[in-house]
């Protein structure tokens, strides 16, 4: 039997033909598509085919279905109901319900709610809580898996204190594992759940959890447990002081991941003193910064932000440190939440000048990046950076261009030189072109003179796919046009074409850029509508949804019929947070 338990319902699955945008191959027993039970939500389900072990594209077959979390979707099925079957956002067929075995799912068409609403947690969790009574490991584990599935779906739920206390005290296996599993599943309800955890536990409980995880170093799940408990600490800074010794010990494990994560947890410490700074510097001297972001460097930046006097220790260690330490210190400065002190800026300038003619290695590149922070030494920094634009090393050229943009240069000849560099494509995923487009975006209105070159690049890129490098050039072009704010018909047409291609990465930013141009971008509104209504609509988080809706309002006005229709379509998104944003806009419209 393919199904993990008795089926919730049976039906007739009809797959779309391959030539009608359907699948390229048959589906087999164990197939796990998404079932659109409501306009705004889907549920994964496991299939077992009853007449054969497969269904071919363009054909139909009887199927038994187990939904992943049926208790989450009460009252959504009736005999004869036709459900859309999806793979991601793509519809690949339909399923007509013939028999319903799970009575929780049964309803009538007249009582069915088109939009899914989260049931109260007490209604869903009661069955799970009833299982947490004995000391049978397997039963407890099954209950925990059910709880995990409950929170792994993108729902807005509240994890109440009673449930936390019950699960934390479950007999049969380690509390640390239990809490780690729960933490893994939280998404939209993460903050609320952590607040409930804090209310349900004491300082001693939390410290016990972390020390319990620390004792699991020899076990495979140690990294996951430490990660989840570290996430808890990071989200609840009030607990950060409780396990400082355990966190500091992670810096000495020799494990790159744990060393990195220790930096994240240290960032959540209420205070970071000279002892913390010294230990971070020791770690950086041994491991350096070869990937970014490197968490010990971020922790060092947090320490210096909270304790600016720590710069004296950093300056002293820098002068005698190896390349690892010096590069690490430079990269950490990028995360500072304060202006870089003058003595640190002087140190960067001196370090960059000390390389002389040897300016094509990665160590020098970190100095080139750090020069962007030397706002009080702008003239000296620019003088060092300009020759770097001719470096034989593409990453030196790219970093120099980006640093010049961040320094806010105003010299027209130098800005024009950056404009020429947008056609320099040397590099890997990141390139000189990417860095220079980012620099022009930072310059904003100062780069207006480069519009003709940007338009030429947009024309060259008309056939490029979005995944041609990261970040993709068309996304960077869209960002750049939006930052400059030039509202000529040529710019609007270039952005409209980016939207028309409906690229997964670039179309959304192009819509947002058109929104920055306001009513002048009205000629692109039909294309924007087509993008929003397309099956490949890729705005999948609340922030993007809000930006796209605001762009539509900026272009056509809040009372426009087309804008209202676009918002209503976004409200049907399978992403709960996206739908919620759209409903907030519709609610304002209703109140008005």
Protein backbone atom coordinates (compact mmCIF):
# COMPACT_ATOMS: atom_id res chain seq x y z
CA UNK A 1 0.00 0.00 0.00
CA UNK A 2 1.37 3.42 -1.00
CA UNK A 3 -0.65 5.49 1.48
CA UNK A 4 0.65 5.94 5.05
CA UNK A 5 -2.88 5.59 6.52
CA UNK A 6 -6.46 5.06 5.27
CA UNK A 7 -7.42 7.43 2.46
CA UNK A 8 -9.26 10.68 3.21
CA UNK A 9 -11.20 10.51 -0.06
CA UNK A 10 -11.31 8.97 -3.54
CA UNK A 11 -11.86 10.57 -6.92
CA UNK A 12 -11.13 10.62 -10.64
CA UNK A 13 -7.81 12.26 -11.57
CA UNK A 14 -7.72 13.82 -15.08
CA UNK A 15 -4.28 14.96 -16.25
CA UNK A 16 -3.85 17.69 -18.86
CA UNK A 17 -2.38 16.62 -22.19
CA UNK A 18 1.33 17.25 -22.71
CA UNK A 19 0.57 19.51 -25.70
CA UNK A 20 -1.82 21.51 -23.52
CA UNK A 21 0.83 22.62 -21.02
CA UNK A 22 0.54 19.35 -19.09
CA UNK A 23 3.14 17.01 -17.66
CA UNK A 24 5.74 15.37 -19.85
CA UNK A 25 5.43 11.98 -18.12
CA UNK A 26 2.99 9.76 -16.23
CA UNK A 27 2.30 10.08 -12.52
CA UNK A 28 2.97 7.00 -10.36
CA UNK A 29 1.78 5.70 -7.01
CA UNK A 30 3.22 7.96 -4.31
CA UNK A 31 2.78 11.13 -6.43
CA UNK A 32 2.51 14.17 -4.12
CA UNK A 33 0.90 17.15 -5.91
CA UNK A 34 -0.81 20.17 -4.34
CA UNK A 35 -4.62 20.11 -4.08
CA UNK A 36 -6.29 23.53 -4.26
CA UNK A 37 -8.91 23.09 -1.54
CA UNK A 38 -9.57 26.84 -1.24
CA UNK A 39 -8.86 29.86 -3.44
CA UNK A 40 -6.10 30.96 -1.09
CA UNK A 41 -4.65 27.66 0.05
CA UNK A 42 -3.51 24.23 -1.08
CA UNK A 43 -2.61 20.99 0.66
CA UNK A 44 -0.11 18.35 -0.40
CA UNK A 45 -1.56 14.86 -0.69
CA UNK A 46 -0.25 11.37 -1.49
CA UNK A 47 -1.87 9.45 -4.38
CA UNK A 48 -2.51 5.74 -4.82
CA UNK A 49 -4.04 4.78 -8.19
CA UNK A 50 -6.72 2.12 -8.01
CA UNK A 51 -7.02 0.79 -11.59
CA UNK A 52 -3.34 0.91 -12.52
CA UNK A 53 -0.09 2.01 -10.95
CA UNK A 54 0.04 5.18 -13.07
CA UNK A 55 -1.94 7.79 -15.00
CA UNK A 56 -0.63 9.12 -18.32
CA UNK A 57 -0.89 12.80 -19.48
CA UNK A 58 -4.26 13.29 -21.20
CA UNK A 59 -5.82 10.31 -19.41
CA UNK A 60 -7.95 9.74 -16.29
CA UNK A 61 -7.88 7.21 -13.47
CA UNK A 62 -9.37 6.45 -10.07
CA UNK A 63 -7.26 7.63 -7.15
CA UNK A 64 -7.23 7.40 -3.34
CA UNK A 65 -5.78 10.46 -1.58
CA UNK A 66 -4.23 11.08 1.85
CA UNK A 67 -3.93 14.81 2.57
CA UNK A 68 -0.88 15.82 4.62
CA UNK A 69 -2.86 17.70 7.31
CA UNK A 70 -6.59 17.03 6.79
CA UNK A 71 -7.54 18.55 10.16
CA UNK A 72 -6.33 21.90 8.86
CA UNK A 73 -8.99 21.97 6.10
CA UNK A 74 -12.33 20.96 7.61
CA UNK A 75 -15.53 21.24 5.58
CA UNK A 76 -14.00 21.59 2.11
CA UNK A 77 -15.18 18.55 0.07
CA UNK A 78 -18.40 17.09 -1.33
CA UNK A 79 -19.10 14.35 -3.86
CA UNK A 80 -18.79 15.85 -7.32
CA UNK A 81 -16.45 18.68 -6.35
CA UNK A 82 -13.63 19.27 -8.86
CA UNK A 83 -10.25 20.24 -7.36
CA UNK A 84 -7.34 21.81 -9.26
CA UNK A 85 -4.16 19.71 -9.10
CA UNK A 86 -0.95 21.78 -9.06
CA UNK A 87 2.80 21.31 -9.28
CA UNK A 88 4.08 24.50 -7.71
CA UNK A 89 1.93 27.16 -9.37
CA UNK A 90 1.32 25.19 -12.55
CA UNK A 91 -2.02 23.39 -12.93
CA UNK A 92 -1.46 19.90 -14.36
CA UNK A 93 -4.96 18.46 -14.02
CA UNK A 94 -8.17 18.18 -12.01
CA UNK A 95 -9.56 15.70 -9.49
CA UNK A 96 -13.33 15.06 -9.19
CA UNK A 97 -14.29 13.78 -5.74
CA UNK A 98 -16.38 10.57 -5.74
CA UNK A 99 -16.21 9.33 -2.11
CA UNK A 100 -15.27 10.99 1.20
CA UNK A 101 -14.10 8.82 4.11
CA UNK A 102 -12.73 11.49 6.47
CA UNK A 103 -15.90 13.12 7.83
CA UNK A 104 -13.92 16.17 8.95
CA UNK A 105 -13.56 17.14 5.31
CA UNK A 106 -17.24 16.77 4.34
CA UNK A 107 -19.50 19.77 3.68
CA UNK A 108 -22.07 20.97 1.14
CA UNK A 109 -21.50 23.51 -1.66
CA UNK A 110 -23.70 26.04 0.13
CA UNK A 111 -21.71 25.86 3.38
CA UNK A 112 -18.26 25.78 1.76
CA UNK A 113 -15.99 28.78 2.44
CA UNK A 114 -14.16 29.84 -0.74
CA UNK A 115 -11.37 31.48 1.26
CA UNK A 116 -9.65 29.28 3.81
CA UNK A 117 -9.63 30.50 7.41
CA UNK A 118 -7.27 29.05 10.00
CA UNK A 119 -9.14 26.91 12.53
CA UNK A 120 -8.47 27.69 16.16
CA UNK A 121 -5.42 25.90 17.48
CA UNK A 122 -7.40 24.29 20.29
CA UNK A 123 -9.56 22.50 17.73
CA UNK A 124 -6.55 21.14 15.84
CA UNK A 125 -4.19 20.45 18.72
CA UNK A 126 -6.62 18.56 20.93
CA UNK A 127 -5.99 15.22 19.23
CA UNK A 128 -2.24 15.73 19.34
CA UNK A 129 -2.30 16.67 23.01
CA UNK A 130 -4.26 13.53 23.84
CA UNK A 131 -1.36 11.48 22.51
CA UNK A 132 1.17 13.11 24.85
CA UNK A 133 0.08 11.07 27.86
CA UNK A 134 2.33 8.02 28.12
CA UNK A 135 6.00 7.22 27.84
CA UNK A 136 5.81 5.38 24.51
CA UNK A 137 8.54 6.91 22.34
CA UNK A 138 6.94 5.98 19.00
CA UNK A 139 3.54 7.39 19.90
CA UNK A 140 5.11 10.61 21.15
CA UNK A 141 7.21 10.84 18.01
CA UNK A 142 4.13 10.47 15.80
CA UNK A 143 2.36 13.16 17.77
CA UNK A 144 5.37 15.43 17.43
CA UNK A 145 5.45 14.85 13.68
CA UNK A 146 1.80 15.88 13.55
CA UNK A 147 2.58 19.01 15.51
CA UNK A 148 5.50 19.74 13.22
CA UNK A 149 3.28 19.34 10.13
CA UNK A 150 0.78 21.69 11.69
CA UNK A 151 3.37 24.46 11.93
CA UNK A 152 5.29 23.66 8.76
CA UNK A 153 2.41 24.91 6.62
CA UNK A 154 2.34 28.67 5.87
CA UNK A 155 -0.47 29.53 8.26
CA UNK A 156 -1.02 32.31 10.75
CA UNK A 157 -1.51 30.40 14.01
CA UNK A 158 -0.86 30.99 17.67
CA UNK A 159 1.10 28.41 19.59
CA UNK A 160 -0.41 28.65 23.07
CA UNK A 161 1.49 28.31 26.32
CA UNK A 162 -0.32 25.13 27.40
CA UNK A 163 0.75 23.27 24.30
CA UNK A 164 4.35 24.37 24.73
CA UNK A 165 4.43 23.22 28.34
CA UNK A 166 2.85 19.90 27.44
CA UNK A 167 5.27 19.16 24.64
CA UNK A 168 8.30 20.29 26.62
CA UNK A 169 7.42 17.82 29.34
CA UNK A 170 6.71 14.88 27.05
CA UNK A 171 8.26 11.67 28.42
CA UNK A 172 10.17 9.29 26.24
CA UNK A 173 12.74 11.46 24.50
CA UNK A 174 14.90 14.56 24.86
CA UNK A 175 13.19 17.89 25.40
CA UNK A 176 15.91 19.63 23.38
CA UNK A 177 15.09 17.50 20.33
CA UNK A 178 11.41 18.21 20.78
CA UNK A 179 11.79 21.98 20.88
CA UNK A 180 14.26 21.91 18.01
CA UNK A 181 11.72 20.08 15.84
CA UNK A 182 9.06 22.64 16.65
CA UNK A 183 11.34 25.57 15.92
CA UNK A 184 12.16 24.14 12.49
CA UNK A 185 8.57 24.46 11.31
CA UNK A 186 7.73 28.03 12.27
CA UNK A 187 7.17 30.53 9.51
CA UNK A 188 4.56 33.27 9.71
CA UNK A 189 3.76 32.44 13.33
CA UNK A 190 7.42 32.38 14.39
CA UNK A 191 7.47 35.51 16.53
CA UNK A 192 4.17 34.73 18.22
CA UNK A 193 5.29 31.21 18.97
CA UNK A 194 8.58 32.33 20.47
CA UNK A 195 6.71 34.75 22.68
CA UNK A 196 4.57 31.85 23.88
CA UNK A 197 7.68 29.77 24.47
CA UNK A 198 9.17 32.56 26.56
CA UNK A 199 5.98 32.77 28.61
CA UNK A 200 5.92 29.01 29.09
CA UNK A 201 9.52 28.52 30.11
CA UNK A 202 11.99 29.86 32.63
CA UNK A 203 15.60 30.93 32.30
CA UNK A 204 16.65 27.60 33.77
CA UNK A 205 14.58 25.70 31.19
CA UNK A 206 16.20 27.47 28.30
CA UNK A 207 19.72 27.05 29.65
CA UNK A 208 19.00 23.37 30.26
CA UNK A 209 17.87 22.97 26.66
CA UNK A 210 21.03 24.52 25.29
CA UNK A 211 23.34 22.55 27.55
CA UNK A 212 21.43 19.40 26.63
CA UNK A 213 22.08 20.15 22.98
CA UNK A 214 25.75 20.80 23.68
CA UNK A 215 26.12 17.30 25.07
CA UNK A 216 25.01 15.86 21.73
CA UNK A 217 28.19 16.85 19.89
CA UNK A 218 28.87 13.28 18.83
CA UNK A 219 25.43 12.82 17.31
CA UNK A 220 24.41 13.63 13.77
CA UNK A 221 21.58 15.92 14.84
CA UNK A 222 23.86 18.15 16.92
CA UNK A 223 24.23 20.77 14.21
CA UNK A 224 20.47 20.97 13.68
CA UNK A 225 19.73 21.21 17.40
CA UNK A 226 22.30 23.96 17.89
CA UNK A 227 20.95 25.81 14.84
CA UNK A 228 17.37 25.76 16.11
CA UNK A 229 18.25 26.71 19.67
CA UNK A 230 20.50 29.43 18.30
CA UNK A 231 17.56 30.76 16.28
CA UNK A 232 15.54 30.86 19.48
CA UNK A 233 18.27 32.80 21.26
CA UNK A 234 18.62 35.20 18.34
CA UNK A 235 14.90 35.92 18.31
CA UNK A 236 14.72 36.31 22.09
CA UNK A 237 17.74 38.45 23.01
CA UNK A 238 16.68 38.41 26.65
CA UNK A 239 17.96 34.83 26.82
CA UNK A 240 21.29 35.60 25.19
CA UNK A 241 23.24 35.98 28.41
CA UNK A 242 22.28 32.56 29.71
CA UNK A 243 24.48 30.35 27.57
CA UNK A 244 27.45 32.55 26.76
CA UNK A 245 30.08 30.01 27.79
CA UNK A 246 28.45 27.32 25.64
CA UNK A 247 28.30 29.68 22.66
CA UNK A 248 31.91 30.76 23.05
CA UNK A 249 32.91 27.09 23.17
CA UNK A 250 31.44 26.67 19.67
CA UNK A 251 34.12 29.02 18.34
CA UNK A 252 36.73 26.40 19.25
CA UNK A 253 35.01 23.37 17.69
CA UNK A 254 36.86 23.64 14.37
CA UNK A 255 33.52 23.15 12.61
CA UNK A 256 33.05 25.97 10.12
CA UNK A 257 29.26 25.90 10.35
CA UNK A 258 29.14 25.91 14.15
CA UNK A 259 31.80 28.61 14.29
CA UNK A 260 29.70 30.70 11.94
CA UNK A 261 26.52 30.09 13.89
CA UNK A 262 28.21 31.00 17.15
CA UNK A 263 28.72 34.43 15.64
CA UNK A 264 24.99 34.72 14.97
CA UNK A 265 24.18 33.80 18.55
CA UNK A 266 26.78 36.22 19.93
CA UNK A 267 25.11 38.99 17.97
CA UNK A 268 22.11 38.39 20.26
CA UNK A 269 24.11 38.84 23.48
CA UNK A 270 22.88 41.91 25.41
CA UNK A 271 26.50 43.07 25.77
CA UNK A 272 29.78 42.15 24.11
CA UNK A 273 32.92 43.12 26.02
CA UNK A 274 36.68 43.04 25.36
CA UNK A 275 36.82 39.32 26.14
CA UNK A 276 34.27 38.56 23.41
CA UNK A 277 36.10 40.78 20.95
CA UNK A 278 39.41 39.05 21.68
CA UNK A 279 37.92 35.60 21.17
CA UNK A 280 36.26 36.63 17.90
CA UNK A 281 39.56 38.02 16.65
CA UNK A 282 41.29 34.74 17.53
CA UNK A 283 38.70 32.83 15.51
CA UNK A 284 39.00 35.18 12.56
CA UNK A 285 42.79 34.92 12.61
CA UNK A 286 42.49 31.15 12.29
CA UNK A 287 39.63 30.94 9.78
CA UNK A 288 39.57 34.31 8.03
CA UNK A 289 36.65 35.42 5.88
CA UNK A 290 36.46 33.41 2.69
CA UNK A 291 32.69 33.50 2.36
CA UNK A 292 30.22 36.26 3.05
CA UNK A 293 28.37 36.73 5.27
CA UNK A 294 30.79 35.29 7.79
CA UNK A 295 29.00 35.29 11.13
CA UNK A 296 31.95 35.89 13.50
CA UNK A 297 32.61 39.03 11.49
CA UNK A 298 28.99 40.09 11.96
CA UNK A 299 29.31 39.39 15.69
CA UNK A 300 32.46 41.53 15.78
CA UNK A 301 30.56 44.36 14.09
CA UNK A 302 27.82 44.00 16.70
CA UNK A 303 30.41 44.07 19.48
CA UNK A 304 32.01 47.23 18.11
CA UNK A 305 28.61 48.86 17.64
CA UNK A 306 27.72 48.14 21.28
CA UNK A 307 31.22 48.85 22.57
CA UNK A 308 33.03 51.41 20.33
CA UNK A 309 36.02 51.38 22.68
CA UNK A 310 36.71 47.92 21.32
CA UNK A 311 38.16 49.55 18.20
CA UNK A 312 41.39 50.09 20.17
CA UNK A 313 41.79 46.31 20.55
CA UNK A 314 40.94 45.76 16.87
CA UNK A 315 43.44 48.38 15.70
CA UNK A 316 46.20 46.87 17.81
CA UNK A 317 45.56 43.31 16.63
CA UNK A 318 45.24 44.40 12.99
CA UNK A 319 48.78 45.76 12.79
CA UNK A 320 50.32 42.41 13.75
CA UNK A 321 47.69 40.03 12.38
CA UNK A 322 47.87 37.71 9.36
CA UNK A 323 45.92 38.15 6.13
CA UNK A 324 43.04 36.10 7.54
CA UNK A 325 42.58 38.49 10.43
CA UNK A 326 43.03 41.65 8.39
CA UNK A 327 40.56 40.52 5.73
CA UNK A 328 38.11 39.41 8.42
CA UNK A 329 38.25 42.77 10.17
CA UNK A 330 37.66 44.63 6.91
CA UNK A 331 34.66 42.48 6.02
CA UNK A 332 33.19 42.83 9.50
CA UNK A 333 33.14 46.61 9.07
CA UNK A 334 30.45 46.21 6.38
CA UNK A 335 27.94 45.19 9.07
CA UNK A 336 28.61 48.05 11.48
CA UNK A 337 25.51 49.92 12.56
CA UNK A 338 27.52 53.10 13.05
CA UNK A 339 29.85 55.34 11.08
CA UNK A 340 33.35 53.93 10.88
CA UNK A 341 35.66 55.81 13.31
CA UNK A 342 38.27 58.02 11.72
CA UNK A 343 41.19 55.91 12.97
CA UNK A 344 39.65 52.83 11.31
CA UNK A 345 39.24 54.73 8.03
CA UNK A 346 42.89 55.79 8.23
CA UNK A 347 43.86 52.16 8.81
CA UNK A 348 41.98 51.05 5.65
CA UNK A 349 43.61 53.75 3.52
CA UNK A 350 47.07 52.86 4.84
CA UNK A 351 46.48 49.18 4.22
CA UNK A 352 45.32 49.79 0.64
CA UNK A 353 48.37 51.99 -0.09
CA UNK A 354 50.75 49.39 1.40
CA UNK A 355 50.11 46.96 -1.45
CA UNK A 356 51.97 49.10 -3.93
CA UNK A 357 51.78 47.58 -7.41
CA UNK A 358 50.51 44.17 -6.21
CA UNK A 359 46.85 44.90 -6.77
CA UNK A 360 45.33 41.80 -8.29
CA UNK A 361 44.75 39.40 -5.40
CA UNK A 362 41.73 38.72 -3.19
CA UNK A 363 43.37 40.14 -0.07
CA UNK A 364 43.70 43.51 -1.79
CA UNK A 365 40.12 43.18 -2.98
CA UNK A 366 38.88 43.28 0.63
CA UNK A 367 40.65 46.62 1.06
CA UNK A 368 38.99 47.89 -2.13
CA UNK A 369 35.60 46.94 -0.68
CA UNK A 370 36.39 48.56 2.68
CA UNK A 371 37.35 51.86 1.02
CA UNK A 372 33.63 52.42 0.40
CA UNK A 373 33.29 53.02 4.16
CA UNK A 374 35.86 55.82 4.22
CA UNK A 375 33.40 58.69 3.92
CA UNK A 376 35.72 61.08 5.82
CA UNK A 377 38.66 60.12 3.61
CA UNK A 378 36.71 60.25 0.37
CA UNK A 379 39.42 62.01 -1.70
CA UNK A 380 42.13 59.54 -0.67
CA UNK A 381 39.79 56.58 -1.21
CA UNK A 382 38.78 57.73 -4.70
CA UNK A 383 42.42 58.31 -5.65
CA UNK A 384 43.18 54.67 -4.75
CA UNK A 385 40.08 53.27 -6.43
CA UNK A 386 40.30 54.96 -9.82
CA UNK A 387 43.44 53.04 -10.99
CA UNK A 388 41.71 49.83 -9.87
CA UNK A 389 39.19 50.29 -12.68
CA UNK A 390 42.01 49.23 -15.05
CA UNK A 391 43.01 46.14 -13.06
CA UNK A 392 43.53 42.89 -14.96
CA UNK A 393 41.53 41.13 -12.22
CA UNK A 394 37.80 41.44 -12.93
CA UNK A 395 36.84 41.25 -9.23
CA UNK A 396 39.11 44.22 -8.46
CA UNK A 397 37.47 46.24 -11.24
CA UNK A 398 34.00 45.29 -10.04
CA UNK A 399 34.64 46.01 -6.36
CA UNK A 400 36.26 49.33 -7.22
CA UNK A 401 33.23 50.37 -9.28
CA UNK A 402 30.86 49.43 -6.47
CA UNK A 403 32.92 51.29 -3.86
CA UNK A 404 32.96 54.43 -6.01
CA UNK A 405 29.18 54.26 -6.25
CA UNK A 406 28.82 53.85 -2.49
CA UNK A 407 31.13 56.82 -1.92
CA UNK A 408 28.69 58.97 -3.94
CA UNK A 409 31.14 60.31 -6.52
CA UNK A 410 30.08 63.45 -8.39
CA UNK A 411 32.82 63.79 -11.02
CA UNK A 412 31.03 63.50 -14.38
CA UNK A 413 34.04 62.05 -16.19
CA UNK A 414 34.34 59.29 -13.59
CA UNK A 415 30.60 58.56 -13.69
CA UNK A 416 30.87 58.35 -17.48
CA UNK A 417 33.68 55.83 -17.07
CA UNK A 418 31.44 53.71 -14.86
CA UNK A 419 28.78 53.92 -17.56
CA UNK A 420 31.19 52.36 -20.05
CA UNK A 421 31.87 49.49 -17.64
CA UNK A 422 28.28 48.19 -17.75
CA UNK A 423 29.33 46.32 -20.91
CA UNK A 424 32.17 44.54 -19.08
CA UNK A 425 30.71 41.07 -18.49
CA UNK A 426 33.83 39.30 -17.20
CA UNK A 427 33.19 37.35 -14.02
CA UNK A 428 31.27 34.35 -12.79
CA UNK A 429 27.79 34.59 -11.25
CA UNK A 430 28.72 38.08 -10.14
CA UNK A 431 30.45 40.24 -12.76
CA UNK A 432 31.90 43.68 -13.39
CA UNK A 433 28.63 44.51 -15.14
CA UNK A 434 26.61 43.54 -12.06
CA UNK A 435 28.81 45.59 -9.74
CA UNK A 436 28.74 48.66 -11.99
CA UNK A 437 24.97 48.57 -12.42
CA UNK A 438 24.78 48.43 -8.63
CA UNK A 439 27.11 51.43 -8.40
CA UNK A 440 24.96 53.49 -10.80
CA UNK A 441 21.89 52.52 -8.78
CA UNK A 442 23.61 53.87 -5.66
CA UNK A 443 24.36 57.12 -7.49
CA UNK A 444 20.71 57.51 -8.51
CA UNK A 445 19.98 60.88 -10.10
CA UNK A 446 23.73 61.55 -10.44
CA UNK A 447 23.86 58.79 -13.08
CA UNK A 448 21.16 60.35 -15.28
CA UNK A 449 23.75 61.10 -17.95
CA UNK A 450 24.22 57.34 -18.47
CA UNK A 451 20.62 56.64 -19.55
CA UNK A 452 21.54 56.14 -23.21
CA UNK A 453 24.05 53.42 -22.29
CA UNK A 454 21.57 51.72 -19.99
CA UNK A 455 18.99 51.72 -22.79
CA UNK A 456 21.54 50.17 -25.15
CA UNK A 457 22.24 47.44 -22.59
CA UNK A 458 18.50 46.86 -22.17
CA UNK A 459 18.21 46.41 -25.95
CA UNK A 460 21.14 43.98 -25.96
CA UNK A 461 19.50 41.97 -23.16
CA UNK A 462 16.04 41.65 -24.72
CA UNK A 463 16.43 37.92 -25.33
CA UNK A 464 18.36 37.10 -22.14
CA UNK A 465 16.89 34.68 -19.63
CA UNK A 466 16.57 35.75 -16.00
CA UNK A 467 18.96 33.09 -14.74
CA UNK A 468 21.88 34.35 -16.81
CA UNK A 469 24.04 35.17 -13.81
CA UNK A 470 23.12 36.34 -10.36
CA UNK A 471 21.93 38.93 -9.76
CA UNK A 472 20.44 38.85 -13.24
CA UNK A 473 21.27 41.89 -15.44
CA UNK A 474 17.64 42.71 -16.24
CA UNK A 475 16.78 42.95 -12.55
CA UNK A 476 19.75 45.26 -11.98
CA UNK A 477 18.72 47.35 -15.00
CA UNK A 478 15.22 47.70 -13.59
CA UNK A 479 16.60 48.77 -10.19
CA UNK A 480 18.92 51.25 -11.88
CA UNK A 481 16.17 52.85 -14.00
CA UNK A 482 13.98 53.14 -10.91
CA UNK A 483 16.75 54.79 -8.84
CA UNK A 484 17.60 57.32 -11.55
CA UNK A 485 13.94 58.23 -12.06
CA UNK A 486 14.10 59.17 -15.74
CA UNK A 487 10.53 59.01 -17.07
CA UNK A 488 11.12 59.23 -20.82
CA UNK A 489 9.10 57.04 -23.17
CA UNK A 490 12.26 55.07 -24.04
CA UNK A 491 12.89 54.14 -20.39
CA UNK A 492 9.25 53.23 -19.84
CA UNK A 493 9.29 51.03 -22.94
CA UNK A 494 12.48 49.29 -21.81
CA UNK A 495 10.93 48.53 -18.42
CA UNK A 496 7.66 47.45 -20.06
CA UNK A 497 9.55 44.89 -22.15
CA UNK A 498 11.21 43.47 -19.02
CA UNK A 499 7.77 43.05 -17.44
CA UNK A 500 6.37 41.54 -20.67
CA UNK A 501 8.94 38.75 -20.56
CA UNK A 502 7.53 37.84 -17.12
CA UNK A 503 10.93 36.73 -15.88
CA UNK A 504 10.94 35.11 -12.47
CA UNK A 505 13.54 37.53 -11.09
CA UNK A 506 13.29 40.71 -13.15
CA UNK A 507 9.57 41.33 -13.84
CA UNK A 508 8.65 42.29 -10.26
CA UNK A 509 11.49 44.83 -9.87
CA UNK A 510 10.58 46.29 -13.28
CA UNK A 511 6.98 46.82 -12.10
CA UNK A 512 8.29 48.52 -8.95
CA UNK A 513 10.61 50.72 -11.06
CA UNK A 514 7.65 51.77 -13.25
CA UNK A 515 5.76 52.63 -10.08
CA UNK A 516 8.54 55.05 -9.12
CA UNK A 517 7.91 56.88 -12.42
CA UNK A 518 4.27 57.47 -11.42
CA UNK A 519 1.55 58.36 -13.91
CA UNK A 520 4.08 58.71 -16.75
CA UNK A 521 4.28 54.89 -16.74
CA UNK A 522 0.57 54.49 -17.60
CA UNK A 523 1.38 53.09 -21.11
CA UNK A 524 2.87 50.03 -19.35
CA UNK A 525 -0.20 49.27 -17.22
CA UNK A 526 -1.69 46.68 -19.58
CA UNK A 527 1.58 44.75 -19.51
CA UNK A 528 1.68 44.96 -15.72
CA UNK A 529 -1.87 43.56 -15.58
CA UNK A 530 -0.86 40.67 -17.83
CA UNK A 531 2.05 39.90 -15.54
CA UNK A 532 -0.09 39.92 -12.39
CA UNK A 533 -2.78 37.75 -13.99
CA UNK A 534 -0.36 35.28 -15.56
CA UNK A 535 -0.07 31.71 -14.29
CA UNK A 536 3.61 32.36 -13.65
CA UNK A 537 2.99 35.22 -11.22
CA UNK A 538 6.08 35.18 -9.03
CA UNK A 539 5.34 37.62 -6.22
CA UNK A 540 5.52 35.10 -3.41
CA UNK A 541 6.11 37.15 -0.27
CA UNK A 542 4.33 39.99 1.50
CA UNK A 543 7.01 42.63 0.89
CA UNK A 544 7.01 42.09 -2.88
CA UNK A 545 3.22 42.02 -2.98
CA UNK A 546 2.98 45.34 -1.17
CA UNK A 547 5.56 46.94 -3.49
CA UNK A 548 3.81 45.72 -6.66
CA UNK A 549 0.39 46.90 -5.45
CA UNK A 550 1.82 50.29 -4.46
CA UNK A 551 3.37 50.56 -7.93
CA UNK A 552 0.00 49.95 -9.60
CA UNK A 553 -1.63 52.59 -7.38
CA UNK A 554 1.17 55.06 -8.14
CA UNK A 555 0.64 54.61 -11.89
CA UNK A 556 -3.17 54.51 -12.23
CA UNK A 557 -4.46 55.73 -8.88
CA UNK A 558 -6.14 53.98 -5.99
CA UNK A 559 -9.65 54.25 -7.49
CA UNK A 560 -8.79 52.71 -10.85
CA UNK A 561 -10.80 49.62 -11.84
CA UNK A 562 -7.77 47.85 -13.28
CA UNK A 563 -5.82 48.39 -10.06
CA UNK A 564 -8.71 47.01 -7.98
CA UNK A 565 -8.90 43.94 -10.21
CA UNK A 566 -5.16 43.38 -9.86
CA UNK A 567 -5.41 43.56 -6.07
CA UNK A 568 -8.33 41.12 -6.07
CA UNK A 569 -6.29 38.70 -8.15
CA UNK A 570 -3.34 38.95 -5.75
CA UNK A 571 -5.80 38.19 -2.94
CA UNK A 572 -6.29 34.74 -4.49
CA UNK A 573 -2.62 33.86 -4.09
CA UNK A 574 -1.80 30.44 -2.64
CA UNK A 575 0.73 32.24 -0.42
CA UNK A 576 -1.15 33.20 2.73
CA UNK A 577 1.00 36.25 3.52
CA UNK A 578 0.62 37.62 -0.04
CA UNK A 579 -3.17 37.14 0.07
CA UNK A 580 -3.27 38.85 3.47
CA UNK A 581 -1.51 41.94 2.12
CA UNK A 582 -3.98 42.20 -0.76
CA UNK A 583 -6.94 41.85 1.62
CA UNK A 584 -5.55 44.70 3.71
CA UNK A 585 -5.75 46.93 0.62
CA UNK A 586 -9.25 45.67 -0.20
CA UNK A 587 -10.33 46.35 3.37
CA UNK A 588 -9.27 49.98 3.03
CA UNK A 589 -11.29 50.16 -0.18
CA UNK A 590 -14.33 48.67 1.58
CA UNK A 591 -14.10 51.13 4.48
CA UNK A 592 -13.84 54.03 2.09
